[in-house]
Amino acid sequence: MTAVSEAPNRGRLLLIEDDESARRFVVFVLERAGYSVEVSATGMEALRALERELFDVVLLDVNLPDVGGLDVLAAGRSLQTDCQFIMVTGDDAADTAVEAMKLGAFDYITKPVGADVLLLTVEKAQRDTQLRREVTQLRRQVAESRKTRIIGKSAALRRVHDLIERVAPTAATVLITGETGTGKELVARAIHELSDRARGPFVAVNCSALPETLLESELFGYVKGAFTGAISNRRGLFEEAHGGTLFLDEIATISPAIQVKLLRVLQERHIQRLGSSQPVPVDFRLIAAGNIPLEEEVAAGRFREDLYYRLNIFPIHVPPLRERKEDIPLLASHFRLKFAA
């Protein structure tokens, strides 16, 4: 059953409600306010609608005749990540409402639903959806500007762009391979800028440029008195990258001792500063890179196999220029204009 207003202009809503009188009331209130409303009477019908069409707000009754409302919420949020879900619960369903909020519901309203509360809650959810989509669009624009720094239109480079766009919205660890000078850090920055961590820091470190002891203190930080010269507490790069992305270049050069510590960080998501036994939680997305094939280092016994599999979740290979010669004129033009300016 679908009900559409004559002049929808405030957004597209999906109402999931099995009670006919409740459906009529909600549709009447929302359509009179200028919303376009589609109605589903069951959870399965609603999931098919969410797969088929894009909505701004979903009003979801907790009690449905087939699939539970919380199950529809969990599945629906994976189908439409920028849409806001409002749960409709009974007066005695406080625990259910709390569980719905944990699953990502925007808000909840209780039955019997009042027109004023309904409109106010839907309006707030609609504004939030619009804001999310505007932010996503801005991030894409920023990411496009980042990607333009990776000069070229060859098929090989288009594949790199496609992989960037596929992996950026996920939380997957990325391993970028390629020869020196192919632009691995540019690829890492593009992934960061296109991800939901774009507003967080992008922290880059060249592992081969630092000796083992200095790299360890740079990554993990230290507390006052941990070693000679440690005159105050200092945060490490894992902490600096909190909420953002940590880019470890030349990852194959890290020592076995740091490999063990890095593996532990990826498993447990906390670190210990040098000289401290206090765990510090960290939230970062890891992108690693190198010009040495890690599988060869694993075969030679110089790199841990378990760490390699932790890093190689989503591999991206950046081809050298000799494999994409059609990009040379574009690069030449780019540098000519850059240096002329």
C-alpha atoms as a PDB file:
ATOM      1  CA  MET A   1       0.000   0.000   0.000  1.00  0.00           C
ATOM      2  CA  THR A   2       1.390   3.395  -0.982  1.00  0.00           C
ATOM      3  CA  ALA A   3       0.054   6.806  -0.083  1.00  0.00           C
ATOM      4  CA  VAL A   4       1.538   9.835  -1.810  1.00  0.00           C
ATOM      5  CA  SER A   5       0.669  13.483  -1.224  1.00  0.00           C
ATOM      6  CA  GLU A   6      -0.152  15.721  -4.170  1.00  0.00           C
ATOM      7  CA  ALA A   7       2.867  17.984  -3.641  1.00  0.00           C
ATOM      8  CA  PRO A   8       5.546  16.263  -1.551  1.00  0.00           C
ATOM      9  CA  ASN A   9       8.416  18.615  -0.848  1.00  0.00           C
ATOM     10  CA  ARG A  10       9.640  17.952   2.656  1.00  0.00           C
ATOM     11  CA  GLY A  11      11.084  14.478   2.210  1.00  0.00           C
ATOM     12  CA  ARG A  12      10.264  10.855   1.567  1.00  0.00           C
ATOM     13  CA  LEU A  13       9.222   8.656   4.490  1.00  0.00           C
ATOM     14  CA  LEU A  14       8.594   4.969   5.001  1.00  0.00           C
ATOM     15  CA  LEU A  15       5.994   4.044   7.629  1.00  0.00           C
ATOM     16  CA  ILE A  16       6.172   0.446   8.899  1.00  0.00           C
ATOM     17  CA  GLU A  17       3.009  -0.213  10.880  1.00  0.00           C
ATOM     18  CA  ASP A  18       0.616  -3.188  10.876  1.00  0.00           C
ATOM     19  CA  ASP A  19      -2.288  -1.391  12.573  1.00  0.00           C
ATOM     20  CA  GLU A  20      -4.527   0.146   9.899  1.00  0.00           C
ATOM     21  CA  SER A  21      -6.010   2.936  12.045  1.00  0.00           C
ATOM     22  CA  ALA A  22      -2.551   3.984  13.234  1.00  0.00           C
ATOM     23  CA  ARG A  23      -1.329   4.004   9.615  1.00  0.00           C
ATOM     24  CA  ARG A  24      -4.207   6.235   8.505  1.00  0.00           C
ATOM     25  CA  PHE A  25      -3.537   8.750  11.284  1.00  0.00           C
ATOM     26  CA  VAL A  26       0.219   8.993  10.699  1.00  0.00           C
ATOM     27  CA  VAL A  27      -0.159   9.237   6.909  1.00  0.00           C
ATOM     28  CA  PHE A  28      -2.801  11.966   7.281  1.00  0.00           C
ATOM     29  CA  VAL A  29      -0.626  14.069   9.614  1.00  0.00           C
ATOM     30  CA  LEU A  30       2.563  13.693   7.569  1.00  0.00           C
ATOM     31  CA  GLU A  31       1.029  14.193   4.130  1.00  0.00           C
ATOM     32  CA  ARG A  32      -0.798  17.306   5.341  1.00  0.00           C
ATOM     33  CA  ALA A  33       2.626  18.603   6.451  1.00  0.00           C
ATOM     34  CA  GLY A  34       4.026  18.043   2.952  1.00  0.00           C
ATOM     35  CA  TYR A  35       5.816  14.696   3.270  1.00  0.00           C
ATOM     36  CA  SER A  36       5.595  11.835   0.798  1.00  0.00           C
ATOM     37  CA  VAL A  37       4.788   8.621   2.647  1.00  0.00           C
ATOM     38  CA  GLU A  38       5.079   4.989   1.615  1.00  0.00           C
ATOM     39  CA  VAL A  39       3.513   2.392   3.892  1.00  0.00           C
ATOM     40  CA  SER A  40       4.538  -1.173   4.697  1.00  0.00           C
ATOM     41  CA  ALA A  41       2.448  -3.431   6.924  1.00  0.00           C
ATOM     42  CA  THR A  42       5.137  -6.066   7.587  1.00  0.00           C
ATOM     43  CA  GLY A  43       8.850  -6.183   8.223  1.00  0.00           C
ATOM     44  CA  MET A  44       9.635  -8.172   5.073  1.00  0.00           C
ATOM     45  CA  GLU A  45       7.635  -5.758   2.937  1.00  0.00           C
ATOM     46  CA  ALA A  46       9.552  -2.880   4.531  1.00  0.00           C
ATOM     47  CA  LEU A  47      12.947  -4.481   3.851  1.00  0.00           C
ATOM     48  CA  ARG A  48      12.027  -4.924   0.207  1.00  0.00           C
ATOM     49  CA  ALA A  49      11.068  -1.243   0.056  1.00  0.00           C
ATOM     50  CA  LEU A  50      14.381  -0.244   1.683  1.00  0.00           C
ATOM     51  CA  GLU A  51      16.262  -2.283  -0.910  1.00  0.00           C
ATOM     52  CA  ARG A  52      14.271  -0.715  -3.733  1.00  0.00           C
ATOM     53  CA  GLU A  53      13.972   2.976  -2.875  1.00  0.00           C
ATOM     54  CA  LEU A  54      15.764   5.769  -1.005  1.00  0.00           C
ATOM     55  CA  PHE A  55      14.070   7.297   2.050  1.00  0.00           C
ATOM     56  CA  ASP A  56      14.882  10.227   4.308  1.00  0.00           C
ATOM     57  CA  VAL A  57      13.156   8.943   7.455  1.00  0.00           C
ATOM     58  CA  VAL A  58      11.703   5.583   8.493  1.00  0.00           C
ATOM     59  CA  LEU A  59       8.976   5.293  11.149  1.00  0.00           C
ATOM     60  CA  LEU A  60       9.166   1.744  12.488  1.00  0.00           C
ATOM     61  CA  ASP A  61       6.771   0.015  14.864  1.00  0.00           C
ATOM     62  CA  VAL A  62       8.522  -2.326  17.289  1.00  0.00           C
ATOM     63  CA  ASN A  63       5.803  -4.990  17.163  1.00  0.00           C
ATOM     64  CA  LEU A  64       5.310  -6.405  13.671  1.00  0.00           C
ATOM     65  CA  PRO A  65       3.553  -9.630  12.641  1.00  0.00           C
ATOM     66  CA  ASP A  66       6.541 -11.252  10.958  1.00  0.00           C
ATOM     67  CA  VAL A  67      10.013  -9.782  11.514  1.00  0.00           C
ATOM     68  CA  GLY A  68      10.687  -8.001  14.807  1.00  0.00           C
ATOM     69  CA  GLY A  69      11.080  -4.236  14.657  1.00  0.00           C
ATOM     70  CA  LEU A  70      14.610  -4.359  16.098  1.00  0.00           C
ATOM     71  CA  ASP A  71      15.641  -6.859  13.416  1.00  0.00           C
ATOM     72  CA  VAL A  72      14.217  -4.576  10.726  1.00  0.00           C
ATOM     73  CA  LEU A  73      16.126  -1.678  12.285  1.00  0.00           C
ATOM     74  CA  ALA A  74      19.438  -3.572  12.229  1.00  0.00           C
ATOM     75  CA  ALA A  75      18.978  -4.739   8.636  1.00  0.00           C
ATOM     76  CA  GLY A  76      17.538  -1.433   7.459  1.00  0.00           C
ATOM     77  CA  ARG A  77      20.442   0.631   8.719  1.00  0.00           C
ATOM     78  CA  SER A  78      22.820  -1.508   6.690  1.00  0.00           C
ATOM     79  CA  LEU A  79      20.667  -0.938   3.597  1.00  0.00           C
ATOM     80  CA  GLN A  80      20.366   2.837   4.030  1.00  0.00           C
ATOM     81  CA  THR A  81      23.185   4.189   6.163  1.00  0.00           C
ATOM     82  CA  ASP A  82      22.268   7.891   5.944  1.00  0.00           C
ATOM     83  CA  CYS A  83      18.544   7.443   6.592  1.00  0.00           C
ATOM     84  CA  GLN A  84      17.206   8.046  10.115  1.00  0.00           C
ATOM     85  CA  PHE A  85      14.999   5.485  11.851  1.00  0.00           C
ATOM     86  CA  ILE A  86      12.395   6.485  14.446  1.00  0.00           C
ATOM     87  CA  MET A  87      10.997   3.658  16.581  1.00  0.00           C
ATOM     88  CA  VAL A  88       7.361   3.602  17.677  1.00  0.00           C
ATOM     89  CA  THR A  89       6.936   1.764  20.981  1.00  0.00           C
ATOM     90  CA  GLY A  90       4.323   1.092  23.630  1.00  0.00           C
ATOM     91  CA  ASP A  91       4.344   2.919  26.958  1.00  0.00           C
ATOM     92  CA  ASP A  92       5.733  -0.180  28.687  1.00  0.00           C
ATOM     93  CA  ALA A  93       8.577  -0.758  26.194  1.00  0.00           C
ATOM     94  CA  ALA A  94      11.320   1.345  27.768  1.00  0.00           C
ATOM     95  CA  ASP A  95      13.870  -1.458  27.553  1.00  0.00           C
ATOM     96  CA  THR A  96      13.082  -1.964  23.884  1.00  0.00           C
ATOM     97  CA  ALA A  97      13.511   1.752  23.223  1.00  0.00           C
ATOM     98  CA  VAL A  98      16.932   1.725  24.879  1.00  0.00           C
ATOM     99  CA  GLU A  99      17.962  -1.292  22.799  1.00  0.00           C
ATOM    100  CA  ALA A 100      16.770   0.477  19.641  1.00  0.00           C
ATOM    101  CA  MET A 101      18.910   3.512  20.433  1.00  0.00           C
ATOM    102  CA  LYS A 102      21.919   1.233  20.895  1.00  0.00           C
ATOM    103  CA  LEU A 103      21.236  -0.225  17.447  1.00  0.00           C
ATOM    104  CA  GLY A 104      21.342   3.248  15.935  1.00  0.00           C
ATOM    105  CA  ALA A 105      17.764   4.535  16.033  1.00  0.00           C
ATOM    106  CA  PHE A 106      17.574   8.325  15.808  1.00  0.00           C
ATOM    107  CA  ASP A 107      14.766   8.606  18.384  1.00  0.00           C
ATOM    108  CA  TYR A 108      11.629   6.882  19.588  1.00  0.00           C
ATOM    109  CA  ILE A 109       8.051   7.933  20.246  1.00  0.00           C
ATOM    110  CA  THR A 110       5.442   6.124  22.309  1.00  0.00           C
ATOM    111  CA  LYS A 111       1.885   5.149  21.468  1.00  0.00           C
ATOM    112  CA  PRO A 112      -0.620   6.694  21.262  1.00  0.00           C
ATOM    113  CA  VAL A 113       1.282   8.959  18.883  1.00  0.00           C
ATOM    114  CA  GLY A 114       0.411  12.668  19.095  1.00  0.00           C
ATOM    115  CA  ALA A 115       0.510  14.828  15.962  1.00  0.00           C
ATOM    116  CA  ASP A 116       2.774  17.510  17.449  1.00  0.00           C
ATOM    117  CA  VAL A 117       5.357  15.020  18.771  1.00  0.00           C
ATOM    118  CA  LEU A 118       5.227  13.079  15.504  1.00  0.00           C
ATOM    119  CA  LEU A 119       5.897  16.140  13.347  1.00  0.00           C
ATOM    120  CA  LEU A 120       8.627  17.514  15.609  1.00  0.00           C
ATOM    121  CA  THR A 121      10.498  14.187  15.739  1.00  0.00           C
ATOM    122  CA  VAL A 122      10.208  13.585  12.000  1.00  0.00           C
ATOM    123  CA  GLU A 123      11.372  17.138  11.254  1.00  0.00           C
ATOM    124  CA  LYS A 124      14.481  16.702  13.409  1.00  0.00           C
ATOM    125  CA  ALA A 125      15.268  13.352  11.787  1.00  0.00           C
ATOM    126  CA  GLN A 126      14.767  14.812   8.308  1.00  0.00           C
ATOM    127  CA  ARG A 127      17.170  17.680   9.062  1.00  0.00           C
ATOM    128  CA  ASP A 128      19.751  15.206  10.346  1.00  0.00           C
ATOM    129  CA  THR A 129      19.464  13.094   7.185  1.00  0.00           C
ATOM    130  CA  GLN A 130      19.918  16.166   4.995  1.00  0.00           C
ATOM    131  CA  LEU A 131      22.952  17.230   7.012  1.00  0.00           C
ATOM    132  CA  ARG A 132      24.524  13.772   6.732  1.00  0.00           C
ATOM    133  CA  ARG A 133      24.056  13.762   2.969  1.00  0.00           C
ATOM    134  CA  GLU A 134      25.518  17.250   2.636  1.00  0.00           C
ATOM    135  CA  VAL A 135      28.561  16.194   4.670  1.00  0.00           C
ATOM    136  CA  THR A 136      28.950  13.077   2.512  1.00  0.00           C
ATOM    137  CA  GLN A 137      28.812  15.205  -0.631  1.00  0.00           C
ATOM    138  CA  LEU A 138      31.425  17.604   0.738  1.00  0.00           C
ATOM    139  CA  ARG A 139      33.688  14.694   1.633  1.00  0.00           C
ATOM    140  CA  ARG A 140      33.344  13.336  -1.884  1.00  0.00           C
ATOM    141  CA  GLN A 141      34.265  16.732  -3.307  1.00  0.00           C
ATOM    142  CA  VAL A 142      37.303  16.916  -1.041  1.00  0.00           C
ATOM    143  CA  ALA A 143      38.237  13.363  -1.956  1.00  0.00           C
ATOM    144  CA  GLU A 144      37.925  14.181  -5.645  1.00  0.00           C
ATOM    145  CA  SER A 145      40.314  17.088  -5.141  1.00  0.00           C
ATOM    146  CA  ARG A 146      42.691  14.700  -3.396  1.00  0.00           C
ATOM    147  CA  LYS A 147      42.377  12.158  -6.190  1.00  0.00           C
ATOM    148  CA  THR A 148      43.235  14.778  -8.799  1.00  0.00           C
ATOM    149  CA  ARG A 149      46.716  14.831  -7.283  1.00  0.00           C
ATOM    150  CA  ILE A 150      47.096  11.259  -8.527  1.00  0.00           C
ATOM    151  CA  ILE A 151      47.590  12.369 -12.098  1.00  0.00           C
ATOM    152  CA  GLY A 152      46.523  10.055 -14.905  1.00  0.00           C
ATOM    153  CA  LYS A 153      43.593   8.509 -16.753  1.00  0.00           C
ATOM    154  CA  SER A 154      45.050   5.151 -17.730  1.00  0.00           C
ATOM    155  CA  ALA A 155      43.088   1.957 -17.130  1.00  0.00           C
ATOM    156  CA  ALA A 156      45.606   0.933 -14.439  1.00  0.00           C
ATOM    157  CA  LEU A 157      45.124   4.185 -12.540  1.00  0.00           C
ATOM    158  CA  ARG A 158      41.344   4.095 -12.954  1.00  0.00           C
ATOM    159  CA  ARG A 159      41.433   0.732 -11.194  1.00  0.00           C
ATOM    160  CA  VAL A 160      43.315   2.339  -8.300  1.00  0.00           C
ATOM    161  CA  HIS A 161      40.652   5.076  -8.115  1.00  0.00           C
ATOM    162  CA  ASP A 162      37.910   2.438  -8.104  1.00  0.00           C
ATOM    163  CA  LEU A 163      39.582   0.541  -5.258  1.00  0.00           C
ATOM    164  CA  ILE A 164      39.957   3.773  -3.271  1.00  0.00           C
ATOM    165  CA  GLU A 165      36.249   4.493  -3.601  1.00  0.00           C
ATOM    166  CA  ARG A 166      35.309   0.948  -2.637  1.00  0.00           C
ATOM    167  CA  VAL A 167      37.431   0.683   0.501  1.00  0.00           C
ATOM    168  CA  ALA A 168      37.275   4.251   1.828  1.00  0.00           C
ATOM    169  CA  PRO A 169      33.781   4.044   3.413  1.00  0.00           C
ATOM    170  CA  THR A 170      34.711   0.826   5.241  1.00  0.00           C
ATOM    171  CA  ALA A 171      36.855   0.285   8.331  1.00  0.00           C
ATOM    172  CA  ALA A 172      39.145  -2.207   6.570  1.00  0.00           C
ATOM    173  CA  THR A 173      42.904  -2.048   7.006  1.00  0.00           C
ATOM    174  CA  VAL A 174      44.568  -1.267   3.659  1.00  0.00           C
ATOM    175  CA  LEU A 175      47.955  -2.419   2.373  1.00  0.00           C
ATOM    176  CA  ILE A 176      49.308  -0.258  -0.468  1.00  0.00           C
ATOM    177  CA  THR A 177      52.163  -1.658  -2.524  1.00  0.00           C
ATOM    178  CA  GLY A 178      54.208  -0.076  -5.262  1.00  0.00           C
ATOM    179  CA  GLU A 179      57.663   1.126  -6.154  1.00  0.00           C
ATOM    180  CA  THR A 180      59.197   4.237  -4.607  1.00  0.00           C
ATOM    181  CA  GLY A 181      57.672   7.384  -6.073  1.00  0.00           C
ATOM    182  CA  THR A 182      54.452   5.843  -7.385  1.00  0.00           C
ATOM    183  CA  GLY A 183      52.261   7.885  -5.016  1.00  0.00           C
ATOM    184  CA  LYS A 184      51.379   5.483  -2.206  1.00  0.00           C
ATOM    185  CA  GLU A 185      50.893   8.278   0.335  1.00  0.00           C
ATOM    186  CA  LEU A 186      48.608  10.124  -2.094  1.00  0.00           C
ATOM    187  CA  VAL A 187      46.465   6.991  -2.285  1.00  0.00           C
ATOM    188  CA  ALA A 188      46.404   6.740   1.519  1.00  0.00           C
ATOM    189  CA  ARG A 189      45.346  10.391   1.850  1.00  0.00           C
ATOM    190  CA  ALA A 190      42.588   9.918  -0.723  1.00  0.00           C
ATOM    191  CA  ILE A 191      41.230   6.940   1.248  1.00  0.00           C
ATOM    192  CA  HIS A 192      41.269   9.003   4.433  1.00  0.00           C
ATOM    193  CA  GLU A 193      39.530  11.987   2.849  1.00  0.00           C
ATOM    194  CA  LEU A 194      36.767   9.804   1.408  1.00  0.00           C
ATOM    195  CA  SER A 195      36.163   7.951   4.695  1.00  0.00           C
ATOM    196  CA  ASP A 196      33.981   8.839   7.655  1.00  0.00           C
ATOM    197  CA  ARG A 197      37.217   9.706   9.476  1.00  0.00           C
ATOM    198  CA  ALA A 198      37.973  12.598   7.127  1.00  0.00           C
ATOM    199  CA  ARG A 199      37.456  15.160   9.892  1.00  0.00           C
ATOM    200  CA  GLY A 200      39.988  13.330  12.053  1.00  0.00           C
ATOM    201  CA  PRO A 201      43.780  13.508  11.727  1.00  0.00           C
ATOM    202  CA  PHE A 202      45.855  11.875   9.023  1.00  0.00           C
ATOM    203  CA  VAL A 203      49.144  10.860  10.668  1.00  0.00           C
ATOM    204  CA  ALA A 204      51.933   9.598   8.412  1.00  0.00           C
ATOM    205  CA  VAL A 205      55.274   8.114   9.419  1.00  0.00           C
ATOM    206  CA  ASN A 206      58.069   6.621   7.335  1.00  0.00           C
ATOM    207  CA  CYS A 207      59.147   3.602   9.364  1.00  0.00           C
ATOM    208  CA  SER A 208      62.484   3.278   7.542  1.00  0.00           C
ATOM    209  CA  ALA A 209      63.519   6.828   8.433  1.00  0.00           C
ATOM    210  CA  LEU A 210      63.694   6.148  12.185  1.00  0.00           C
ATOM    211  CA  PRO A 211      65.860   3.747  14.208  1.00  0.00           C
ATOM    212  CA  GLU A 212      63.999   1.093  16.181  1.00  0.00           C
ATOM    213  CA  THR A 213      64.149   2.780  19.596  1.00  0.00           C
ATOM    214  CA  LEU A 214      63.035   6.141  18.236  1.00  0.00           C
ATOM    215  CA  LEU A 215      60.256   4.597  16.118  1.00  0.00           C
ATOM    216  CA  GLU A 216      58.900   2.770  19.165  1.00  0.00           C
ATOM    217  CA  SER A 217      58.752   5.938  21.258  1.00  0.00           C
ATOM    218  CA  GLU A 218      57.221   7.851  18.317  1.00  0.00           C
ATOM    219  CA  LEU A 219      54.500   5.259  17.839  1.00  0.00           C
ATOM    220  CA  PHE A 220      53.639   4.491  21.451  1.00  0.00           C
ATOM    221  CA  GLY A 221      54.668   7.645  23.288  1.00  0.00           C
ATOM    222  CA  TYR A 222      56.246   7.625  26.709  1.00  0.00           C
ATOM    223  CA  VAL A 223      55.882   8.823  30.284  1.00  0.00           C
ATOM    224  CA  LYS A 224      58.233  11.053  32.181  1.00  0.00           C
ATOM    225  CA  GLY A 225      61.356   9.167  33.297  1.00  0.00           C
ATOM    226  CA  ALA A 226      60.869   6.245  30.884  1.00  0.00           C
ATOM    227  CA  PHE A 227      64.401   6.805  29.561  1.00  0.00           C
ATOM    228  CA  THR A 228      67.132   9.415  29.618  1.00  0.00           C
ATOM    229  CA  GLY A 229      65.746  12.587  28.114  1.00  0.00           C
ATOM    230  CA  ALA A 230      62.089  11.760  28.799  1.00  0.00           C
ATOM    231  CA  ILE A 231      61.452  14.902  30.852  1.00  0.00           C
ATOM    232  CA  SER A 232      57.663  14.892  30.363  1.00  0.00           C
ATOM    233  CA  ASN A 233      54.838  12.679  29.179  1.00  0.00           C
ATOM    234  CA  ARG A 234      54.372  12.470  25.416  1.00  0.00           C
ATOM    235  CA  ARG A 235      51.601  11.022  23.307  1.00  0.00           C
ATOM    236  CA  GLY A 236      52.589   8.661  20.525  1.00  0.00           C
ATOM    237  CA  LEU A 237      51.381   8.552  16.938  1.00  0.00           C
ATOM    238  CA  PHE A 238      48.759   5.890  17.722  1.00  0.00           C
ATOM    239  CA  GLU A 239      47.144   8.387  20.086  1.00  0.00           C
ATOM    240  CA  GLU A 240      47.674  11.297  17.692  1.00  0.00           C
ATOM    241  CA  ALA A 241      45.732   9.355  15.064  1.00  0.00           C
ATOM    242  CA  HIS A 242      42.775   8.762  17.411  1.00  0.00           C
ATOM    243  CA  GLY A 243      39.564   9.243  15.420  1.00  0.00           C
ATOM    244  CA  GLY A 244      41.511   9.379  12.162  1.00  0.00           C
ATOM    245  CA  THR A 245      43.974   7.421  10.052  1.00  0.00           C
ATOM    246  CA  LEU A 246      47.519   6.221  10.763  1.00  0.00           C
ATOM    247  CA  PHE A 247      49.676   5.697   7.671  1.00  0.00           C
ATOM    248  CA  LEU A 248      52.759   3.527   8.175  1.00  0.00           C
ATOM    249  CA  ASP A 249      55.017   3.724   5.129  1.00  0.00           C
ATOM    250  CA  GLU A 250      57.843   1.248   4.490  1.00  0.00           C
ATOM    251  CA  ILE A 251      56.167  -1.181   6.889  1.00  0.00           C
ATOM    252  CA  ALA A 252      58.520  -4.020   5.911  1.00  0.00           C
ATOM    253  CA  THR A 253      61.409  -2.291   7.708  1.00  0.00           C
ATOM    254  CA  ILE A 254      60.001  -2.462  11.234  1.00  0.00           C
ATOM    255  CA  SER A 255      61.818  -4.745  13.641  1.00  0.00           C
ATOM    256  CA  PRO A 256      60.405  -8.059  14.921  1.00  0.00           C
ATOM    257  CA  ALA A 257      59.867  -6.496  18.371  1.00  0.00           C
ATOM    258  CA  ILE A 258      57.742  -3.669  16.963  1.00  0.00           C
ATOM    259  CA  GLN A 259      55.911  -6.149  14.718  1.00  0.00           C
ATOM    260  CA  VAL A 260      54.767  -7.992  17.857  1.00  0.00           C
ATOM    261  CA  LYS A 261      53.590  -4.761  19.479  1.00  0.00           C
ATOM    262  CA  LEU A 262      51.805  -3.600  16.351  1.00  0.00           C
ATOM    263  CA  LEU A 263      49.991  -6.923  16.088  1.00  0.00           C
ATOM    264  CA  ARG A 264      48.861  -6.581  19.705  1.00  0.00           C
ATOM    265  CA  VAL A 265      47.562  -3.060  19.065  1.00  0.00           C
ATOM    266  CA  LEU A 266      45.546  -4.236  16.067  1.00  0.00           C
ATOM    267  CA  GLN A 267      44.060  -7.080  18.112  1.00  0.00           C
ATOM    268  CA  GLU A 268      43.339  -5.236  21.360  1.00  0.00           C
ATOM    269  CA  ARG A 269      42.967  -1.614  20.207  1.00  0.00           C
ATOM    270  CA  HIS A 270      44.904  -0.167  23.097  1.00  0.00           C
ATOM    271  CA  ILE A 271      48.538   0.777  23.646  1.00  0.00           C
ATOM    272  CA  GLN A 272      50.908   1.282  26.531  1.00  0.00           C
ATOM    273  CA  ARG A 273      53.264   4.226  26.564  1.00  0.00           C
ATOM    274  CA  LEU A 274      56.904   3.393  27.218  1.00  0.00           C
ATOM    275  CA  GLY A 275      57.522   3.294  30.937  1.00  0.00           C
ATOM    276  CA  SER A 276      53.822   2.841  31.782  1.00  0.00           C
ATOM    277  CA  SER A 277      51.644  -0.181  32.520  1.00  0.00           C
ATOM    278  CA  GLN A 278      48.422   1.782  32.010  1.00  0.00           C
ATOM    279  CA  PRO A 279      46.524   0.767  28.836  1.00  0.00           C
ATOM    280  CA  VAL A 280      45.344   3.634  26.650  1.00  0.00           C
ATOM    281  CA  PRO A 281      42.445   2.950  24.229  1.00  0.00           C
ATOM    282  CA  VAL A 282      43.055   4.039  20.635  1.00  0.00           C
ATOM    283  CA  ASP A 283      40.666   4.358  17.713  1.00  0.00           C
ATOM    284  CA  PHE A 284      42.380   4.651  14.350  1.00  0.00           C
ATOM    285  CA  ARG A 285      42.203   3.250  10.839  1.00  0.00           C
ATOM    286  CA  LEU A 286      45.511   1.720   9.718  1.00  0.00           C
ATOM    287  CA  ILE A 287      46.882   2.053   6.208  1.00  0.00           C
ATOM    288  CA  ALA A 288      50.272   0.443   5.603  1.00  0.00           C
ATOM    289  CA  ALA A 289      52.498   0.696   2.556  1.00  0.00           C
ATOM    290  CA  GLY A 290      55.786  -0.567   1.210  1.00  0.00           C
ATOM    291  CA  ASN A 291      57.918  -1.017  -1.875  1.00  0.00           C
ATOM    292  CA  ILE A 292      59.028  -4.491  -0.794  1.00  0.00           C
ATOM    293  CA  PRO A 293      56.539  -7.367  -1.313  1.00  0.00           C
ATOM    294  CA  LEU A 294      55.583  -8.429   2.208  1.00  0.00           C
ATOM    295  CA  GLU A 295      54.872 -11.997   1.143  1.00  0.00           C
ATOM    296  CA  GLU A 296      58.550 -12.313   0.207  1.00  0.00           C
ATOM    297  CA  GLU A 297      59.550 -10.937   3.614  1.00  0.00           C
ATOM    298  CA  VAL A 298      57.235 -13.474   5.271  1.00  0.00           C
ATOM    299  CA  ALA A 299      58.777 -16.317   3.240  1.00  0.00           C
ATOM    300  CA  ALA A 300      62.254 -15.144   4.249  1.00  0.00           C
ATOM    301  CA  GLY A 301      61.258 -15.097   7.933  1.00  0.00           C
ATOM    302  CA  ARG A 302      61.762 -11.354   8.322  1.00  0.00           C
ATOM    303  CA  PHE A 303      58.098 -10.435   8.713  1.00  0.00           C
ATOM    304  CA  ARG A 304      55.452 -12.090  10.863  1.00  0.00           C
ATOM    305  CA  GLU A 305      52.875 -14.040   8.881  1.00  0.00           C
ATOM    306  CA  ASP A 306      50.046 -13.269  11.321  1.00  0.00           C
ATOM    307  CA  LEU A 307      50.766  -9.527  11.082  1.00  0.00           C
ATOM    308  CA  TYR A 308      50.902  -9.750   7.292  1.00  0.00           C
ATOM    309  CA  TYR A 309      47.386 -11.215   7.190  1.00  0.00           C
ATOM    310  CA  ARG A 310      46.200  -8.475   9.568  1.00  0.00           C
ATOM    311  CA  LEU A 311      47.576  -5.812   7.225  1.00  0.00           C
ATOM    312  CA  ASN A 312      46.617  -7.364   3.897  1.00  0.00           C
ATOM    313  CA  ILE A 313      42.853  -7.071   4.370  1.00  0.00           C
ATOM    314  CA  PHE A 314      42.381  -4.865   1.307  1.00  0.00           C
ATOM    315  CA  PRO A 315      45.429  -4.661  -0.991  1.00  0.00           C
ATOM    316  CA  ILE A 316      45.955  -1.845  -3.507  1.00  0.00           C
ATOM    317  CA  HIS A 317      48.852  -1.931  -5.934  1.00  0.00           C
ATOM    318  CA  VAL A 318      49.981   1.380  -7.437  1.00  0.00           C
ATOM    319  CA  PRO A 319      51.514   0.707 -10.863  1.00  0.00           C
ATOM    320  CA  PRO A 320      54.785   2.390 -11.911  1.00  0.00           C
ATOM    321  CA  LEU A 321      54.754   4.956 -14.705  1.00  0.00           C
ATOM    322  CA  ARG A 322      56.344   2.563 -17.215  1.00  0.00           C
ATOM    323  CA  GLU A 323      53.154   0.479 -16.994  1.00  0.00           C
ATOM    324  CA  ARG A 324      50.918   3.477 -17.730  1.00  0.00           C
ATOM    325  CA  LYS A 325      52.851   5.456 -20.324  1.00  0.00           C
ATOM    326  CA  GLU A 326      49.672   7.143 -21.567  1.00  0.00           C
ATOM    327  CA  ASP A 327      49.719   9.172 -18.319  1.00  0.00           C
ATOM    328  CA  ILE A 328      53.097  10.784 -19.129  1.00  0.00           C
ATOM    329  CA  PRO A 329      51.651  13.716 -21.164  1.00  0.00           C
ATOM    330  CA  LEU A 330      49.191  14.502 -18.350  1.00  0.00           C
ATOM    331  CA  LEU A 331      51.987  14.451 -15.789  1.00  0.00           C
ATOM    332  CA  ALA A 332      54.192  16.625 -17.985  1.00  0.00           C
ATOM    333  CA  SER A 333      51.385  19.167 -18.387  1.00  0.00           C
ATOM    334  CA  HIS A 334      50.671  19.133 -14.655  1.00  0.00           C
ATOM    335  CA  PHE A 335      54.275  19.870 -13.683  1.00  0.00           C
ATOM    336  CA  ARG A 336      54.682  22.452 -16.436  1.00  0.00           C
ATOM    337  CA  LEU A 337      51.726  24.427 -15.078  1.00  0.00           C
ATOM    338  CA  LYS A 338      52.823  23.906 -11.474  1.00  0.00           C
ATOM    339  CA  PHE A 339      56.349  25.221 -11.971  1.00  0.00           C
ATOM    340  CA  ALA A 340      55.252  27.998 -14.334  1.00  0.00           C
ATOM    341  CA  ALA A 341      53.030  29.325 -11.550  1.00  0.00           C
END
